[in-house]
Amino acid sequence: MRRIVFIAILILVVLLNQLAFAENFGDVFIIPIKGEINRATFNFISSTLNKVLEKNPAAIIFEIDTYGGLITETEKIKNLIMALDIPTISFVNNKAESAGVLLAISSEKLVMANSSTIGSAETIPDTEKVLSMWRSFLRDAAQQRGRDSNIIEAMADSDIYIEGISQKGKLLNLTGKEALELGVADLVSDSYEEILDNFNISYNSIVQVDESLELKFAKLLANSYISTLLITIGLIGFVIELFTPGFGIGGIISIISFGLFFAGNILAGNSQWTSLIIFVIGLILLVIEAISPGFGLPGISGIVLIVVGIVLAMGSIQSAIMSLSVAIILTAIITILLIKQGRKIEAFNKIVLSTKHDDEGYFSAPPKYEYLDKEGIALTDLRPSGIIEIDEEKLDALSEGSYIQKGSQVKVVKVEGSKIIVRRL
């Protein structure tokens, strides 16, 4: 009996130990990297990793679906991933293009989903300096993770030719199966469970990390294409407001567009409130210029500050210049079309002389053409000016040149505005 009790206790202890051991496996966290890679993406990955690491995870799967983004932010995310001392897996679920290639090869393991692709990692601009730096990032990550750096670099540089793998003058892009065959990927799978089983990772549960609504909104607005669109709409709205008397729909559209532009970039971490303050000061200076005559220092300073505010908001001078260039060109086209339709900018009346002098000029009193060729009598001497009477109406008059004595008969020979010129009969 004692032996049975002892065996039962021993079995119970073993089961409890196994249960306790199982509870210590930790969870596997799925962290998405989707859409354009920008500062908002880096902020999300950084803050999420800090929270996840507090929970002692069994592993982290970075689920990648991106066409790429900013090199600077991509490199920062790569450094975060490679610094982790827990199992990391990059799961390319659809595409890892451009900058996404670096993130895909940063984890210890790389898994491709069926029908997924990886490659086309050419930089923009494709200058020798930028491309050389980008290739070094890719080469370093590939070498640290034991992958063929030549194949990875061929995804970024069309000059790299690998017989049987890449084509001359073409960037390398691989499907999931091709990546597996070439040793770039470690597995092709669509299942989290299959991925974890394949790499012998024990875990309690799989936890999916979702991007917050605020982050999704910030990433959308901070997207370089959306930022360009918002700047363009903001400038066009401003121009429409100039063509419209008072404050109307153009001003409202401009305020909303620029508000969304700055809100998105501030929330995404691309800039601080300083950029918005500089932009607002620029607008205030333009308003001051609009209500004062001429065009001088306030107007020029306002334009400069607005441009500086936009550039600082985007966090990248290259992206800002490109966006501003597109916005200015489109705004100029809209302005020309409005002018061709006969629209006028009211604010320009302060700095442009719009009045003109016609053939007849301006007179202090209405012309008296009705007295031309009429006869009357001089009520006073005309030396050469005096007073005459025509049709019982007293009028100021000038003699044609000679002295005219009081009481003489006169005739109106010329009228110049309010001047009546007479000759003695």
Protein backbone atom coordinates (compact mmCIF):
# COMPACT_ATOMS: atom_id res chain seq x y z
CA MET A 1 0.00 0.00 0.00
CA ARG A 2 2.81 2.39 0.93
CA ARG A 3 4.55 1.52 -2.31
CA ILE A 4 1.41 2.41 -4.32
CA VAL A 5 1.04 5.75 -2.52
CA PHE A 6 4.75 6.51 -3.10
CA ILE A 7 4.44 5.75 -6.83
CA ALA A 8 1.30 7.89 -7.09
CA ILE A 9 3.05 10.81 -5.37
CA LEU A 10 6.07 10.37 -7.63
CA ILE A 11 3.88 10.43 -10.75
CA LEU A 12 2.05 13.50 -9.46
CA VAL A 13 5.36 15.33 -8.81
CA VAL A 14 6.60 14.50 -12.31
CA LEU A 15 3.36 15.73 -13.89
CA LEU A 16 3.46 18.93 -11.86
CA ASN A 17 7.06 19.53 -12.86
CA GLN A 18 6.21 18.97 -16.52
CA LEU A 19 3.23 21.30 -16.19
CA ALA A 20 5.36 23.96 -14.54
CA PHE A 21 8.01 23.48 -17.21
CA ALA A 22 5.39 23.82 -19.94
CA GLU A 23 4.08 27.02 -18.38
CA ASN A 24 7.59 28.47 -18.60
CA PHE A 25 7.87 28.02 -22.37
CA GLY A 26 6.52 31.50 -22.99
CA ASP A 27 4.34 32.76 -25.80
CA VAL A 28 5.26 33.38 -29.42
CA PHE A 29 4.46 36.92 -30.54
CA ILE A 30 3.56 37.83 -34.13
CA ILE A 31 4.67 41.41 -34.85
CA PRO A 32 3.49 42.82 -38.22
CA ILE A 33 5.71 44.95 -40.46
CA LYS A 34 3.33 46.13 -43.15
CA GLY A 35 2.99 49.06 -45.50
CA GLU A 36 5.63 51.73 -46.04
CA ILE A 37 8.60 51.49 -43.68
CA ASN A 38 9.00 54.91 -42.06
CA ARG A 39 9.62 56.40 -38.65
CA ALA A 40 6.15 55.37 -37.52
CA THR A 41 7.07 51.76 -38.31
CA PHE A 42 10.29 52.03 -36.30
CA ASN A 43 8.48 53.59 -33.33
CA PHE A 44 5.90 50.80 -33.39
CA ILE A 45 8.50 48.01 -33.58
CA SER A 46 10.64 49.60 -30.86
CA SER A 47 7.79 50.13 -28.39
CA THR A 48 6.26 46.72 -29.14
CA LEU A 49 9.55 44.90 -28.57
CA ASN A 50 9.98 46.62 -25.21
CA LYS A 51 6.57 45.36 -24.10
CA VAL A 52 7.01 41.87 -25.54
CA LEU A 53 10.44 41.29 -23.99
CA GLU A 54 8.98 41.94 -20.53
CA LYS A 55 6.87 38.79 -21.01
CA ASN A 56 9.83 36.46 -21.69
CA PRO A 57 8.65 35.27 -25.14
CA ALA A 58 9.58 31.88 -26.55
CA ALA A 59 10.15 33.47 -29.97
CA ILE A 60 9.12 36.42 -32.13
CA ILE A 61 7.80 36.16 -35.67
CA PHE A 62 8.04 39.34 -37.74
CA GLU A 63 5.32 39.08 -40.37
CA ILE A 64 6.49 41.13 -43.37
CA ASP A 65 4.38 42.54 -46.17
CA THR A 66 5.94 45.70 -47.60
CA TYR A 67 7.12 47.40 -50.75
CA GLY A 68 9.88 49.09 -48.74
CA GLY A 69 10.43 52.59 -47.41
CA LEU A 70 13.12 54.73 -45.81
CA ILE A 71 16.61 53.21 -45.60
CA THR A 72 17.43 54.98 -42.35
CA GLU A 73 14.40 53.62 -40.49
CA THR A 74 14.84 50.17 -42.02
CA GLU A 75 18.41 49.97 -40.77
CA LYS A 76 17.28 50.95 -37.26
CA ILE A 77 14.66 48.19 -37.25
CA LYS A 78 17.29 45.72 -38.53
CA ASN A 79 19.54 46.62 -35.60
CA LEU A 80 16.69 46.04 -33.14
CA ILE A 81 15.97 42.60 -34.59
CA MET A 82 19.59 41.46 -34.73
CA ALA A 83 20.20 42.57 -31.14
CA LEU A 84 17.53 40.18 -29.77
CA ASP A 85 18.82 37.13 -27.89
CA ILE A 86 15.68 35.04 -28.43
CA PRO A 87 14.67 33.04 -31.52
CA THR A 88 13.53 35.38 -34.31
CA ILE A 89 11.75 34.46 -37.53
CA SER A 90 10.97 36.66 -40.51
CA PHE A 91 7.78 35.46 -42.16
CA VAL A 92 7.32 37.00 -45.62
CA ASN A 93 3.58 36.82 -46.02
CA ASN A 94 3.07 38.22 -49.51
CA LYS A 95 6.09 40.42 -50.33
CA ALA A 96 9.39 41.76 -49.02
CA GLU A 97 10.44 44.24 -51.65
CA SER A 98 13.09 46.96 -51.58
CA ALA A 99 13.92 47.84 -47.95
CA GLY A 100 11.82 44.88 -46.82
CA VAL A 101 14.64 42.56 -48.01
CA LEU A 102 16.91 43.81 -45.22
CA LEU A 103 14.27 43.12 -42.58
CA ALA A 104 13.56 39.68 -44.01
CA ILE A 105 17.19 38.54 -43.70
CA SER A 106 17.70 40.16 -40.28
CA SER A 107 16.04 37.37 -38.31
CA GLU A 108 17.71 34.05 -37.53
CA LYS A 109 15.23 32.22 -39.75
CA LEU A 110 13.47 33.28 -42.93
CA VAL A 111 10.16 31.73 -43.97
CA MET A 112 8.36 32.45 -47.22
CA ALA A 113 4.62 32.02 -47.59
CA ASN A 114 3.31 30.31 -50.69
CA SER A 115 2.96 32.84 -53.55
CA SER A 116 5.26 35.31 -51.75
CA THR A 117 8.20 37.19 -53.29
CA ILE A 118 11.41 38.80 -52.13
CA GLY A 119 13.79 41.15 -53.97
CA SER A 120 13.84 44.29 -56.13
CA ALA A 121 15.78 46.18 -53.48
CA GLU A 122 17.10 49.02 -55.62
CA THR A 123 17.57 52.35 -53.81
CA ILE A 124 15.97 55.66 -54.75
CA PRO A 125 17.95 57.67 -55.73
CA ASP A 126 20.12 55.06 -57.37
CA THR A 127 23.39 56.94 -56.89
CA GLU A 128 26.69 55.15 -56.42
CA LYS A 129 27.09 56.51 -52.89
CA VAL A 130 23.64 55.48 -51.68
CA LEU A 131 23.72 52.12 -53.45
CA SER A 132 27.14 51.29 -52.02
CA MET A 133 25.94 52.03 -48.50
CA TRP A 134 22.76 50.02 -49.02
CA ARG A 135 24.67 47.02 -50.39
CA SER A 136 26.91 47.08 -47.31
CA PHE A 137 23.83 46.88 -45.07
CA LEU A 138 22.50 43.91 -46.99
CA ARG A 139 25.90 42.17 -47.16
CA ASP A 140 26.50 42.59 -43.43
CA ALA A 141 23.10 41.17 -42.46
CA ALA A 142 23.43 38.27 -44.92
CA GLN A 143 26.87 37.33 -43.64
CA GLN A 144 25.80 37.48 -40.00
CA ARG A 145 22.82 35.21 -40.71
CA GLY A 146 24.81 32.82 -42.90
CA ARG A 147 23.11 33.65 -46.21
CA ASP A 148 24.66 34.10 -49.63
CA SER A 149 25.49 37.81 -49.73
CA ASN A 150 25.98 37.78 -53.53
CA ILE A 151 22.40 36.66 -54.07
CA ILE A 152 21.10 39.27 -51.62
CA GLU A 153 23.15 42.05 -53.22
CA ALA A 154 21.91 41.03 -56.66
CA MET A 155 18.47 42.05 -55.44
CA ALA A 156 19.73 45.63 -55.01
CA ASP A 157 22.21 46.04 -57.87
CA SER A 158 21.34 45.15 -61.46
CA ASP A 159 25.05 45.11 -62.36
CA ILE A 160 25.55 41.94 -60.32
CA TYR A 161 25.15 38.90 -62.54
CA ILE A 162 24.98 35.36 -61.15
CA GLU A 163 24.85 32.73 -63.83
CA GLY A 164 21.71 30.63 -63.66
CA ILE A 165 20.18 32.85 -61.00
CA SER A 166 19.98 36.49 -62.11
CA GLN A 167 19.72 38.16 -65.50
CA LYS A 168 22.15 40.75 -66.80
CA GLY A 169 20.95 44.27 -66.15
CA LYS A 170 17.97 43.05 -64.07
CA LEU A 171 17.31 43.16 -60.35
CA LEU A 172 16.88 39.75 -58.75
CA ASN A 173 13.44 38.88 -57.44
CA LEU A 174 12.66 35.42 -56.05
CA THR A 175 9.51 33.48 -55.35
CA GLY A 176 9.20 31.56 -52.11
CA LYS A 177 10.21 28.25 -53.68
CA GLU A 178 13.15 29.83 -55.50
CA ALA A 179 14.33 31.46 -52.29
CA LEU A 180 14.17 28.06 -50.54
CA GLU A 181 16.09 26.31 -53.31
CA LEU A 182 18.86 28.94 -53.22
CA GLY A 183 19.18 28.84 -49.45
CA VAL A 184 17.88 32.36 -48.96
CA ALA A 185 14.80 31.02 -47.15
CA ASP A 186 14.67 28.20 -44.59
CA LEU A 187 11.08 27.13 -45.13
CA VAL A 188 8.00 27.70 -47.27
CA SER A 189 4.82 27.62 -45.20
CA ASP A 190 1.57 29.45 -44.51
CA SER A 191 1.07 28.16 -40.96
CA TYR A 192 2.48 29.62 -37.75
CA GLU A 193 2.24 26.21 -36.07
CA GLU A 194 4.11 24.48 -38.88
CA ILE A 195 6.82 27.14 -38.76
CA LEU A 196 7.34 26.76 -35.02
CA ASP A 197 7.29 22.95 -35.19
CA ASN A 198 9.82 22.97 -38.02
CA PHE A 199 12.29 24.96 -35.90
CA ASN A 200 11.53 22.95 -32.74
CA ILE A 201 10.29 25.95 -30.76
CA SER A 202 8.20 25.05 -27.72
CA TYR A 203 5.63 27.59 -26.68
CA ASN A 204 2.43 28.09 -24.73
CA SER A 205 0.38 30.09 -27.23
CA ILE A 206 0.63 32.34 -30.28
CA VAL A 207 -0.14 36.00 -29.63
CA GLN A 208 -0.95 38.29 -32.56
CA VAL A 209 0.13 41.90 -32.02
CA ASP A 210 -2.08 44.39 -33.85
CA GLU A 211 -1.22 47.91 -34.88
CA SER A 212 -3.30 50.51 -33.06
CA LEU A 213 -5.80 52.62 -35.00
CA GLU A 214 -3.74 55.69 -34.15
CA LEU A 215 -0.61 54.09 -35.61
CA LYS A 216 -2.41 52.99 -38.77
CA PHE A 217 -3.75 56.52 -39.19
CA ALA A 218 -0.30 58.03 -38.60
CA LYS A 219 1.40 55.64 -41.04
CA LEU A 220 -1.21 56.40 -43.68
CA LEU A 221 -0.83 60.17 -43.38
CA ALA A 222 2.97 59.97 -43.08
CA ASN A 223 3.17 57.97 -46.31
CA SER A 224 5.21 60.01 -48.79
CA TYR A 225 2.50 59.79 -51.47
CA ILE A 226 -0.27 60.81 -49.08
CA SER A 227 1.89 63.65 -47.71
CA THR A 228 2.45 64.91 -51.26
CA LEU A 229 -1.30 64.75 -51.92
CA LEU A 230 -2.12 66.66 -48.72
CA ILE A 231 0.46 69.37 -49.46
CA THR A 232 -0.91 69.73 -52.99
CA ILE A 233 -4.52 69.98 -51.82
CA GLY A 234 -3.45 72.46 -49.12
CA LEU A 235 -1.69 74.74 -51.61
CA ILE A 236 -4.52 74.51 -54.15
CA GLY A 237 -7.03 75.35 -51.42
CA PHE A 238 -4.89 78.36 -50.50
CA VAL A 239 -4.83 79.54 -54.11
CA ILE A 240 -8.61 79.11 -54.44
CA GLU A 241 -9.01 81.19 -51.29
CA LEU A 242 -6.92 83.97 -52.89
CA PHE A 243 -9.29 84.01 -55.87
CA THR A 244 -12.34 84.12 -53.58
CA PRO A 245 -13.44 87.22 -51.66
CA GLY A 246 -13.73 86.65 -47.91
CA PHE A 247 -13.08 83.32 -46.20
CA GLY A 248 -14.59 80.32 -47.95
CA ILE A 249 -14.26 76.71 -49.00
CA GLY A 250 -10.68 77.13 -50.25
CA GLY A 251 -9.44 78.24 -46.84
CA ILE A 252 -11.27 75.40 -45.09
CA ILE A 253 -9.81 72.81 -47.47
CA SER A 254 -6.32 74.26 -47.01
CA ILE A 255 -6.53 74.22 -43.20
CA ILE A 256 -7.84 70.63 -43.10
CA SER A 257 -5.20 69.35 -45.55
CA PHE A 258 -2.24 70.97 -43.81
CA GLY A 259 -3.69 69.95 -40.44
CA LEU A 260 -3.80 66.29 -41.48
CA PHE A 261 -0.31 66.57 -42.99
CA PHE A 262 1.28 67.85 -39.79
CA ALA A 263 -0.82 65.62 -37.51
CA GLY A 264 0.21 62.49 -39.39
CA ASN A 265 3.91 63.32 -39.43
CA ILE A 266 3.96 64.37 -35.77
CA LEU A 267 2.12 61.21 -34.66
CA ALA A 268 4.41 59.11 -36.85
CA GLY A 269 7.45 60.64 -35.18
CA ASN A 270 8.77 62.26 -38.34
CA SER A 271 8.79 65.67 -36.69
CA GLN A 272 8.05 67.62 -33.54
CA TRP A 273 5.64 70.48 -32.83
CA THR A 274 8.42 72.86 -33.88
CA SER A 275 7.68 72.27 -37.56
CA LEU A 276 4.01 73.17 -37.08
CA ILE A 277 4.89 76.31 -35.11
CA ILE A 278 7.27 77.47 -37.86
CA PHE A 279 4.59 76.80 -40.49
CA VAL A 280 1.94 78.77 -38.55
CA ILE A 281 4.32 81.72 -38.09
CA GLY A 282 4.86 81.68 -41.86
CA LEU A 283 1.10 81.81 -42.45
CA ILE A 284 0.73 84.72 -40.01
CA LEU A 285 3.42 86.66 -41.87
CA LEU A 286 1.62 86.05 -45.17
CA VAL A 287 -1.63 87.35 -43.66
CA ILE A 288 0.20 90.47 -42.45
CA GLU A 289 1.57 90.92 -45.96
CA ALA A 290 -1.90 90.51 -47.48
CA ILE A 291 -3.40 93.35 -45.41
CA SER A 292 -0.52 95.75 -45.96
CA PRO A 293 0.39 97.56 -49.21
CA GLY A 294 3.27 96.32 -51.35
CA PHE A 295 5.15 93.07 -51.05
CA GLY A 296 8.20 92.96 -48.82
CA LEU A 297 9.93 91.26 -45.92
CA PRO A 298 6.82 89.73 -44.22
CA GLY A 299 5.73 88.04 -47.45
CA ILE A 300 9.17 86.68 -48.32
CA SER A 301 9.78 85.51 -44.73
CA GLY A 302 6.36 83.87 -44.61
CA ILE A 303 7.01 81.84 -47.77
CA VAL A 304 10.43 80.74 -46.48
CA LEU A 305 9.05 79.67 -43.09
CA ILE A 306 6.19 77.72 -44.67
CA VAL A 307 8.64 75.77 -46.85
CA VAL A 308 10.95 75.15 -43.85
CA GLY A 309 8.01 73.93 -41.75
CA ILE A 310 6.96 71.43 -44.42
CA VAL A 311 10.52 70.16 -44.89
CA LEU A 312 11.01 69.68 -41.14
CA ALA A 313 7.65 67.91 -40.84
CA MET A 314 8.54 65.21 -43.35
CA GLY A 315 11.79 64.31 -41.62
CA SER A 316 13.55 63.69 -44.92
CA ILE A 317 14.86 66.55 -47.06
CA GLN A 318 14.78 64.38 -50.17
CA SER A 319 11.13 63.37 -49.67
CA ALA A 320 10.18 66.93 -48.76
CA ILE A 321 11.78 68.45 -51.86
CA MET A 322 10.15 65.85 -54.10
CA SER A 323 6.72 66.38 -52.50
CA LEU A 324 7.00 70.17 -52.62
CA SER A 325 8.11 70.11 -56.25
CA VAL A 326 5.11 68.04 -57.30
CA ALA A 327 2.75 70.17 -55.20
CA ILE A 328 4.09 73.47 -56.56
CA ILE A 329 3.88 72.29 -60.19
CA LEU A 330 0.27 71.13 -59.79
CA THR A 331 -0.66 74.30 -57.92
CA ALA A 332 0.89 76.45 -60.65
CA ILE A 333 -1.15 74.59 -63.28
CA ILE A 334 -4.38 75.18 -61.32
CA THR A 335 -3.50 78.87 -60.88
CA ILE A 336 -2.89 79.34 -64.60
CA LEU A 337 -6.20 77.64 -65.44
CA LEU A 338 -8.08 79.93 -63.01
CA ILE A 339 -6.44 83.04 -64.47
CA LYS A 340 -7.29 81.92 -68.01
CA GLN A 341 -10.92 81.66 -66.92
CA GLY A 342 -10.78 85.35 -66.01
CA ARG A 343 -10.47 84.91 -62.25
CA LYS A 344 -8.63 87.65 -60.33
CA ILE A 345 -6.71 87.46 -57.08
CA GLU A 346 -8.15 90.19 -54.84
CA ALA A 347 -5.00 90.35 -52.72
CA PHE A 348 -2.96 91.38 -55.79
CA ASN A 349 -4.93 94.63 -56.05
CA LYS A 350 -2.80 95.91 -53.17
CA ILE A 351 0.43 95.54 -55.11
CA VAL A 352 -0.75 95.92 -58.72
CA LEU A 353 -2.17 99.18 -60.18
CA SER A 354 -5.38 98.10 -61.90
CA THR A 355 -6.88 101.54 -62.73
CA LYS A 356 -6.35 103.16 -66.14
CA HIS A 357 -6.67 106.61 -67.77
CA ASP A 358 -9.04 106.77 -70.73
CA ASP A 359 -8.94 109.18 -73.67
CA GLU A 360 -11.13 111.83 -72.05
CA GLY A 361 -9.36 111.91 -68.70
CA TYR A 362 -10.97 112.89 -65.41
CA PHE A 363 -12.95 116.07 -64.71
CA SER A 364 -13.84 117.89 -61.48
CA ALA A 365 -17.35 118.64 -62.84
CA PRO A 366 -19.54 117.22 -65.62
CA PRO A 367 -18.73 118.57 -69.15
CA LYS A 368 -21.05 121.34 -70.43
CA TYR A 369 -21.30 120.37 -74.06
CA GLU A 370 -24.94 121.49 -74.22
CA TYR A 371 -23.79 125.17 -74.38
CA LEU A 372 -21.60 124.70 -77.47
CA ASP A 373 -22.49 127.19 -80.29
CA LYS A 374 -25.05 128.97 -78.11
CA GLU A 375 -25.15 132.76 -77.79
CA GLY A 376 -25.41 134.88 -74.68
CA ILE A 377 -24.36 138.20 -73.04
CA ALA A 378 -21.34 139.10 -70.94
CA LEU A 379 -22.51 140.12 -67.45
CA THR A 380 -18.98 141.16 -66.51
CA ASP A 381 -15.81 142.06 -68.29
CA LEU A 382 -13.90 138.93 -69.47
CA ARG A 383 -10.17 139.50 -68.70
CA PRO A 384 -10.07 136.68 -69.92
CA SER A 385 -12.46 135.10 -67.34
CA GLY A 386 -15.77 136.42 -66.27
CA ILE A 387 -19.49 135.66 -66.10
CA ILE A 388 -21.89 135.31 -68.98
CA GLU A 389 -25.60 134.59 -69.25
CA ILE A 390 -27.13 132.01 -71.60
CA ASP A 391 -30.82 131.12 -71.47
CA GLU A 392 -31.15 133.06 -68.21
CA GLU A 393 -28.39 130.93 -66.58
CA LYS A 394 -25.22 132.52 -65.25
CA LEU A 395 -22.03 130.69 -66.22
CA ASP A 396 -18.31 131.10 -65.69
CA ALA A 397 -16.55 131.59 -69.01
CA LEU A 398 -13.23 132.41 -70.65
CA SER A 399 -12.67 134.64 -73.63
CA GLU A 400 -11.01 133.08 -76.63
CA GLY A 401 -8.06 135.41 -76.07
CA SER A 402 -9.16 139.07 -76.48
CA TYR A 403 -10.73 141.33 -73.89
CA ILE A 404 -14.55 141.32 -73.94
CA GLN A 405 -16.38 144.25 -72.45
CA LYS A 406 -19.41 143.90 -70.16
CA GLY A 407 -22.70 143.81 -72.10
CA SER A 408 -21.16 142.40 -75.28
CA GLN A 409 -22.88 139.62 -77.23
CA VAL A 410 -20.87 136.39 -77.08
CA LYS A 411 -20.95 132.91 -78.61
CA VAL A 412 -19.66 129.64 -77.12
CA VAL A 413 -16.99 128.31 -79.49
CA LYS A 414 -15.41 125.57 -77.38
CA VAL A 415 -16.16 123.41 -74.32
CA GLU A 416 -13.34 121.66 -72.41
CA GLY A 417 -14.95 119.76 -69.57
CA SER A 418 -16.37 122.43 -67.29
CA LYS A 419 -14.61 125.28 -69.13
CA ILE A 420 -16.75 127.40 -71.48
CA ILE A 421 -14.75 129.45 -74.03
CA VAL A 422 -16.54 132.30 -75.83
CA ARG A 423 -15.90 134.79 -78.69
CA ARG A 424 -17.35 138.30 -79.03
CA LEU A 425 -19.89 138.66 -81.83
